[in-house]
C-alpha atoms as a PDB file:
ATOM      1  CA  MET A   1      -0.052   0.055  -0.117  1.00  0.00           C
ATOM      2  CA  MET A   2       1.426   3.523  -0.683  1.00  0.00           C
ATOM      3  CA  GLU A   3       1.731   6.265   1.688  1.00  0.00           C
ATOM      4  CA  ASP A   4      -1.119   8.245  -0.162  1.00  0.00           C
ATOM      5  CA  ASP A   5      -3.238   5.282   0.327  1.00  0.00           C
ATOM      6  CA  GLN A   6      -3.227   5.065   4.047  1.00  0.00           C
ATOM      7  CA  ALA A   7      -5.505   6.435   5.938  1.00  0.00           C
ATOM      8  CA  VAL A   8      -4.913   9.096   8.284  1.00  0.00           C
ATOM      9  CA  PRO A   9      -5.409   8.055  11.751  1.00  0.00           C
ATOM     10  CA  GLY A  10      -8.203  10.052  13.338  1.00  0.00           C
ATOM     11  CA  GLU A  11      -8.635  10.786  17.532  1.00  0.00           C
ATOM     12  CA  ASP A  12     -10.051   7.487  18.179  1.00  0.00           C
ATOM     13  CA  ASP A  13      -6.996   5.739  16.108  1.00  0.00           C
ATOM     14  CA  ALA A  14      -4.459   7.352  18.524  1.00  0.00           C
ATOM     15  CA  VAL A  15      -2.309   5.292  20.267  1.00  0.00           C
ATOM     16  CA  GLU A  16      -2.201   6.190  23.955  1.00  0.00           C
ATOM     17  CA  PRO A  17       0.931   6.459  26.010  1.00  0.00           C
ATOM     18  CA  GLU A  18       2.733   3.259  26.859  1.00  0.00           C
ATOM     19  CA  MET A  19       0.102   1.289  24.768  1.00  0.00           C
ATOM     20  CA  ASN A  20       1.342  -0.405  21.326  1.00  0.00           C
ATOM     21  CA  VAL A  21      -2.349  -0.853  19.849  1.00  0.00           C
ATOM     22  CA  LEU A  22      -4.427   1.818  18.491  1.00  0.00           C
ATOM     23  CA  ASN A  23      -7.812   2.819  20.585  1.00  0.00           C
ATOM     24  CA  SER A  24      -9.983   1.887  18.012  1.00  0.00           C
ATOM     25  CA  VAL A  25      -8.731  -1.835  18.074  1.00  0.00           C
ATOM     26  CA  LEU A  26      -8.911  -2.182  21.473  1.00  0.00           C
ATOM     27  CA  ASP A  27     -12.590  -0.877  21.267  1.00  0.00           C
ATOM     28  CA  MET A  28     -13.437  -3.492  18.902  1.00  0.00           C
ATOM     29  CA  CYS A  29     -11.634  -6.345  20.925  1.00  0.00           C
ATOM     30  CA  GLY A  30     -13.632  -4.983  23.942  1.00  0.00           C
ATOM     31  CA  ASP A  31     -16.928  -5.150  22.175  1.00  0.00           C
ATOM     32  CA  SER A  32     -16.118  -8.685  20.878  1.00  0.00           C
ATOM     33  CA  PHE A  33     -15.869 -10.200  24.192  1.00  0.00           C
ATOM     34  CA  ILE A  34     -18.909 -10.894  26.834  1.00  0.00           C
ATOM     35  CA  ALA A  35     -16.616 -10.481  29.719  1.00  0.00           C
ATOM     36  CA  VAL A  36     -15.756  -7.058  29.087  1.00  0.00           C
ATOM     37  CA  ASP A  37     -19.542  -6.411  29.237  1.00  0.00           C
ATOM     38  CA  GLY A  38     -20.028  -5.385  32.811  1.00  0.00           C
ATOM     39  CA  ASN A  39     -23.635  -5.065  32.563  1.00  0.00           C
ATOM     40  CA  ARG A  40     -24.195  -8.370  31.432  1.00  0.00           C
ATOM     41  CA  ILE A  41     -25.670 -10.353  34.409  1.00  0.00           C
ATOM     42  CA  LYS A  42     -25.509 -14.009  34.980  1.00  0.00           C
ATOM     43  CA  ALA A  43     -26.447 -14.042  38.728  1.00  0.00           C
ATOM     44  CA  SER A  44     -28.581 -12.441  40.474  1.00  0.00           C
ATOM     45  CA  THR A  45     -27.603 -10.084  43.131  1.00  0.00           C
ATOM     46  CA  GLN A  46     -30.725  -9.866  44.712  1.00  0.00           C
ATOM     47  CA  GLN A  47     -30.941 -13.577  45.319  1.00  0.00           C
ATOM     48  CA  PHE A  48     -27.339 -14.189  46.003  1.00  0.00           C
ATOM     49  CA  ASP A  49     -24.470 -12.268  47.819  1.00  0.00           C
ATOM     50  CA  ASP A  50     -21.545 -13.835  45.523  1.00  0.00           C
ATOM     51  CA  THR A  51     -22.161 -14.118  42.130  1.00  0.00           C
ATOM     52  CA  ARG A  52     -18.795 -15.893  41.079  1.00  0.00           C
ATOM     53  CA  LEU A  53     -15.513 -16.566  41.739  1.00  0.00           C
ATOM     54  CA  MET A  54     -12.350 -14.985  40.159  1.00  0.00           C
ATOM     55  CA  ALA A  55      -8.758 -17.005  40.775  1.00  0.00           C
ATOM     56  CA  LEU A  56      -5.129 -15.671  40.016  1.00  0.00           C
ATOM     57  CA  LEU A  57      -2.865 -18.709  39.892  1.00  0.00           C
ATOM     58  CA  CYS A  58       0.798 -18.993  39.501  1.00  0.00           C
ATOM     59  CA  ARG A  59       2.743 -20.236  36.204  1.00  0.00           C
ATOM     60  CA  HIS A  60       2.262 -23.542  37.576  1.00  0.00           C
ATOM     61  CA  ASP A  61      -1.660 -23.637  38.136  1.00  0.00           C
ATOM     62  CA  ILE A  62      -1.733 -23.204  41.777  1.00  0.00           C
ATOM     63  CA  ALA A  63      -4.230 -20.953  43.092  1.00  0.00           C
ATOM     64  CA  LEU A  64      -2.846 -18.319  44.880  1.00  0.00           C
ATOM     65  CA  TYR A  65      -5.747 -16.011  45.361  1.00  0.00           C
ATOM     66  CA  ILE A  66      -9.271 -16.085  44.855  1.00  0.00           C
ATOM     67  CA  ALA A  67     -11.733 -13.553  45.339  1.00  0.00           C
ATOM     68  CA  ASN A  68     -15.662 -13.413  45.892  1.00  0.00           C
ATOM     69  CA  MET A  69     -17.050 -11.478  42.847  1.00  0.00           C
ATOM     70  CA  ARG A  70     -20.085  -9.625  44.951  1.00  0.00           C
ATOM     71  CA  THR A  71     -21.516  -7.692  41.734  1.00  0.00           C
ATOM     72  CA  ALA A  72     -23.242  -8.604  38.569  1.00  0.00           C
ATOM     73  CA  GLY A  73     -20.922  -8.809  35.791  1.00  0.00           C
ATOM     74  CA  LYS A  74     -17.073  -9.485  35.489  1.00  0.00           C
ATOM     75  CA  LYS A  75     -15.875  -5.892  36.903  1.00  0.00           C
ATOM     76  CA  GLN A  76     -12.164  -4.802  36.200  1.00  0.00           C
ATOM     77  CA  PHE A  77     -11.539  -3.863  39.700  1.00  0.00           C
ATOM     78  CA  TYR A  78     -11.319  -7.772  41.147  1.00  0.00           C
ATOM     79  CA  ALA A  79      -8.712  -8.275  38.532  1.00  0.00           C
ATOM     80  CA  PHE A  80      -6.863  -5.241  39.857  1.00  0.00           C
ATOM     81  CA  ALA A  81      -7.575  -6.316  43.632  1.00  0.00           C
ATOM     82  CA  LEU A  82      -5.880  -9.829  42.546  1.00  0.00           C
ATOM     83  CA  ILE A  83      -2.933  -8.077  40.848  1.00  0.00           C
ATOM     84  CA  THR A  84      -2.287  -5.734  43.867  1.00  0.00           C
ATOM     85  CA  ALA A  85      -2.514  -8.580  46.445  1.00  0.00           C
ATOM     86  CA  LEU A  86       0.350 -10.203  44.394  1.00  0.00           C
ATOM     87  CA  PHE A  87       2.496  -7.485  44.015  1.00  0.00           C
ATOM     88  CA  LYS A  88       2.520  -6.630  47.877  1.00  0.00           C
ATOM     89  CA  GLU A  89       3.957  -9.837  48.352  1.00  0.00           C
ATOM     90  CA  LEU A  90       6.552  -9.747  45.799  1.00  0.00           C
ATOM     91  CA  PRO A  91       9.975  -7.856  45.720  1.00  0.00           C
ATOM     92  CA  GLU A  92       9.439  -4.210  44.635  1.00  0.00           C
ATOM     93  CA  TRP A  93      12.044  -4.696  41.782  1.00  0.00           C
ATOM     94  CA  TRP A  94      10.406  -7.789  40.179  1.00  0.00           C
ATOM     95  CA  THR A  95       8.564  -8.033  36.788  1.00  0.00           C
ATOM     96  CA  MET A  96       5.286 -10.239  36.554  1.00  0.00           C
ATOM     97  CA  GLY A  97       3.576 -11.504  33.355  1.00  0.00           C
ATOM     98  CA  ILE A  98      -0.015 -11.478  33.642  1.00  0.00           C
ATOM     99  CA  LEU A  99      -1.821 -13.523  31.190  1.00  0.00           C
ATOM    100  CA  TYR A 100      -5.599 -12.993  30.560  1.00  0.00           C
ATOM    101  CA  ASP A 101      -8.410 -13.407  28.320  1.00  0.00           C
ATOM    102  CA  ILE A 102      -9.084  -9.807  28.107  1.00  0.00           C
ATOM    103  CA  ALA A 103      -5.435  -8.814  29.236  1.00  0.00           C
ATOM    104  CA  CYS A 104      -5.535  -5.973  26.484  1.00  0.00           C
ATOM    105  CA  GLN A 105      -8.670  -4.364  28.148  1.00  0.00           C
ATOM    106  CA  ILE A 106      -7.174  -4.553  31.673  1.00  0.00           C
ATOM    107  CA  HIS A 107      -3.934  -2.928  30.273  1.00  0.00           C
ATOM    108  CA  GLN A 108      -5.591  -0.204  29.118  1.00  0.00           C
ATOM    109  CA  SER A 109      -7.487   0.830  31.968  1.00  0.00           C
ATOM    110  CA  LEU A 110      -4.532   0.098  33.773  1.00  0.00           C
ATOM    111  CA  LEU A 111      -2.813   3.269  32.177  1.00  0.00           C
ATOM    112  CA  LYS A 112      -6.098   5.214  31.249  1.00  0.00           C
ATOM    113  CA  TRP A 113      -7.276   5.457  34.959  1.00  0.00           C
ATOM    114  CA  ASN A 114      -3.338   5.610  36.186  1.00  0.00           C
ATOM    115  CA  PHE A 115      -4.360   2.225  38.691  1.00  0.00           C
ATOM    116  CA  MET A 116      -1.316   1.148  40.343  1.00  0.00           C
ATOM    117  CA  PRO A 117       1.163   3.638  38.826  1.00  0.00           C
ATOM    118  CA  GLU A 118       4.173   2.017  40.870  1.00  0.00           C
ATOM    119  CA  TRP A 119       3.680  -1.271  38.790  1.00  0.00           C
ATOM    120  CA  HIS A 120       3.009   0.047  35.504  1.00  0.00           C
ATOM    121  CA  SER A 121       6.788  -0.925  34.333  1.00  0.00           C
ATOM    122  CA  HIS A 122       6.666  -4.204  36.577  1.00  0.00           C
ATOM    123  CA  ILE A 123       3.828  -5.867  34.502  1.00  0.00           C
ATOM    124  CA  ILE A 124       3.785  -7.716  31.050  1.00  0.00           C
ATOM    125  CA  PHE A 125       0.527  -8.437  29.646  1.00  0.00           C
ATOM    126  CA  GLY A 126      -0.871 -11.348  27.357  1.00  0.00           C
ATOM    127  CA  VAL A 127      -3.929 -13.237  26.465  1.00  0.00           C
ATOM    128  CA  LEU A 128      -4.670 -16.464  26.824  1.00  0.00           C
ATOM    129  CA  VAL A 129      -3.513 -18.774  24.117  1.00  0.00           C
ATOM    130  CA  PHE A 130      -7.093 -19.848  23.143  1.00  0.00           C
ATOM    131  CA  HIS A 131      -8.728 -16.212  23.768  1.00  0.00           C
ATOM    132  CA  ALA A 132      -6.074 -14.654  21.637  1.00  0.00           C
ATOM    133  CA  TYR A 133      -7.463 -15.418  18.253  1.00  0.00           C
ATOM    134  CA  GLY A 134     -10.927 -13.625  19.301  1.00  0.00           C
ATOM    135  CA  HIS A 135      -8.980 -10.508  19.589  1.00  0.00           C
ATOM    136  CA  GLN A 136      -7.942  -8.120  16.783  1.00  0.00           C
ATOM    137  CA  TRP A 137      -4.792  -8.897  14.841  1.00  0.00           C
ATOM    138  CA  MET A 138      -3.145  -5.599  15.832  1.00  0.00           C
ATOM    139  CA  CYS A 139      -3.944  -6.745  19.370  1.00  0.00           C
ATOM    140  CA  GLN A 140      -2.868 -10.549  19.090  1.00  0.00           C
ATOM    141  CA  LEU A 141       0.740  -8.828  17.127  1.00  0.00           C
ATOM    142  CA  TRP A 142       1.008  -7.486  20.908  1.00  0.00           C
ATOM    143  CA  TYR A 143      -0.710  -9.732  23.456  1.00  0.00           C
ATOM    144  CA  HIS A 144      -0.348 -13.226  21.880  1.00  0.00           C
ATOM    145  CA  PRO A 145       1.936 -15.135  24.341  1.00  0.00           C
ATOM    146  CA  ARG A 146       3.199 -16.944  21.310  1.00  0.00           C
ATOM    147  CA  LYS A 147       4.657 -13.726  20.060  1.00  0.00           C
ATOM    148  CA  SER A 148       7.255 -13.027  22.689  1.00  0.00           C
ATOM    149  CA  LYS A 149       9.892 -15.243  24.532  1.00  0.00           C
ATOM    150  CA  ILE A 150       8.980 -14.341  28.131  1.00  0.00           C
ATOM    151  CA  TRP A 151       5.974 -16.612  27.977  1.00  0.00           C
ATOM    152  CA  GLY A 152       7.896 -19.626  26.543  1.00  0.00           C
ATOM    153  CA  LEU A 153       4.979 -22.553  26.058  1.00  0.00           C
ATOM    154  CA  SER A 154       2.761 -20.861  28.692  1.00  0.00           C
ATOM    155  CA  ASP A 155      -0.551 -21.093  27.689  1.00  0.00           C
ATOM    156  CA  GLY A 156      -2.161 -18.976  29.862  1.00  0.00           C
ATOM    157  CA  GLU A 157      -4.931 -21.219  30.314  1.00  0.00           C
ATOM    158  CA  GLY A 158      -4.601 -22.598  34.084  1.00  0.00           C
ATOM    159  CA  CYS A 159      -7.580 -20.952  34.939  1.00  0.00           C
ATOM    160  CA  GLU A 160      -9.710 -23.021  32.882  1.00  0.00           C
ATOM    161  CA  ARG A 161      -8.251 -26.201  33.928  1.00  0.00           C
ATOM    162  CA  PHE A 162      -8.719 -25.013  37.539  1.00  0.00           C
ATOM    163  CA  TRP A 163     -12.389 -24.546  37.022  1.00  0.00           C
ATOM    164  CA  SER A 164     -12.430 -27.696  35.252  1.00  0.00           C
ATOM    165  CA  GLU A 165     -11.279 -29.383  38.395  1.00  0.00           C
ATOM    166  CA  LEU A 166     -13.765 -27.848  40.587  1.00  0.00           C
ATOM    167  CA  ARG A 167     -16.649 -28.147  38.259  1.00  0.00           C
ATOM    168  CA  ARG A 168     -17.939 -31.166  40.310  1.00  0.00           C
ATOM    169  CA  LEU A 169     -18.586 -28.931  43.611  1.00  0.00           C
ATOM    170  CA  ILE A 170     -20.638 -26.567  41.761  1.00  0.00           C
ATOM    171  CA  PRO A 171     -24.349 -28.145  42.230  1.00  0.00           C
ATOM    172  CA  SER A 172     -23.891 -28.449  45.752  1.00  0.00           C
ATOM    173  CA  LEU A 173     -22.458 -24.903  46.048  1.00  0.00           C
ATOM    174  CA  ARG A 174     -24.813 -23.265  43.957  1.00  0.00           C
ATOM    175  CA  VAL A 175     -27.199 -22.281  46.429  1.00  0.00           C
ATOM    176  CA  THR A 176     -25.260 -22.278  49.784  1.00  0.00           C
ATOM    177  CA  GLY A 177     -23.846 -19.518  52.041  1.00  0.00           C
ATOM    178  CA  TYR A 178     -23.181 -18.485  55.107  1.00  0.00           C
ATOM    179  CA  HIS A 179     -27.023 -17.799  56.000  1.00  0.00           C
ATOM    180  CA  GLN A 180     -28.340 -21.117  54.803  1.00  0.00           C
END
C-alpha cells in the first residue's frame, strides 16, 4: 500500500502513551468479548451475595488468590485487586507477566485511569492462547504469548483447568451460603 493510500488516523485511532495498539482496535476487542460487558448479568445480586469467583494462579496453575465477586458482571476491579494482592507479596524490583483473557482491556484501563502506577513498568500483559484468536489482529501481535519469548510455552489457560477440576462442586455450592 502506498503512503497516499493510507488512511490518516483519527482521534479514535490514536495510540495512548505506553500502549502499542490503536484505541479503535482496543474498542473492537472490548466490543467482541462478553467478559468486558460489565452490564451482562449471569447471577442476580438480589438472590445471591456472591455471584462468581475469580482466581489468580501462578505459572504452575496453583491458585494463589481467589476473590468472591459480589457484583453482577465481570468488573475489572476484581482483577486489579488480585494483582495488587500479589504485588504486595513480591519484591519491588520484580517484573510479573500476567496472562488474562482480556489483557488488552485490563492494560488499557490500568494506564488510562492510572491504577497502580508504581507497578506499570513491572507488568507485562498477554492474552490466553485460546482466547487470543478472538482479539483483533493488531492486538494479537502485541499480546499473543507465542509472539514473545518471555512466556515460553505457557498458554495461560490454567484457570480453565482449575475451574474444570472444581466443576463437581458447582451443584452442591450453587445455592449455599453462610445464611443457609
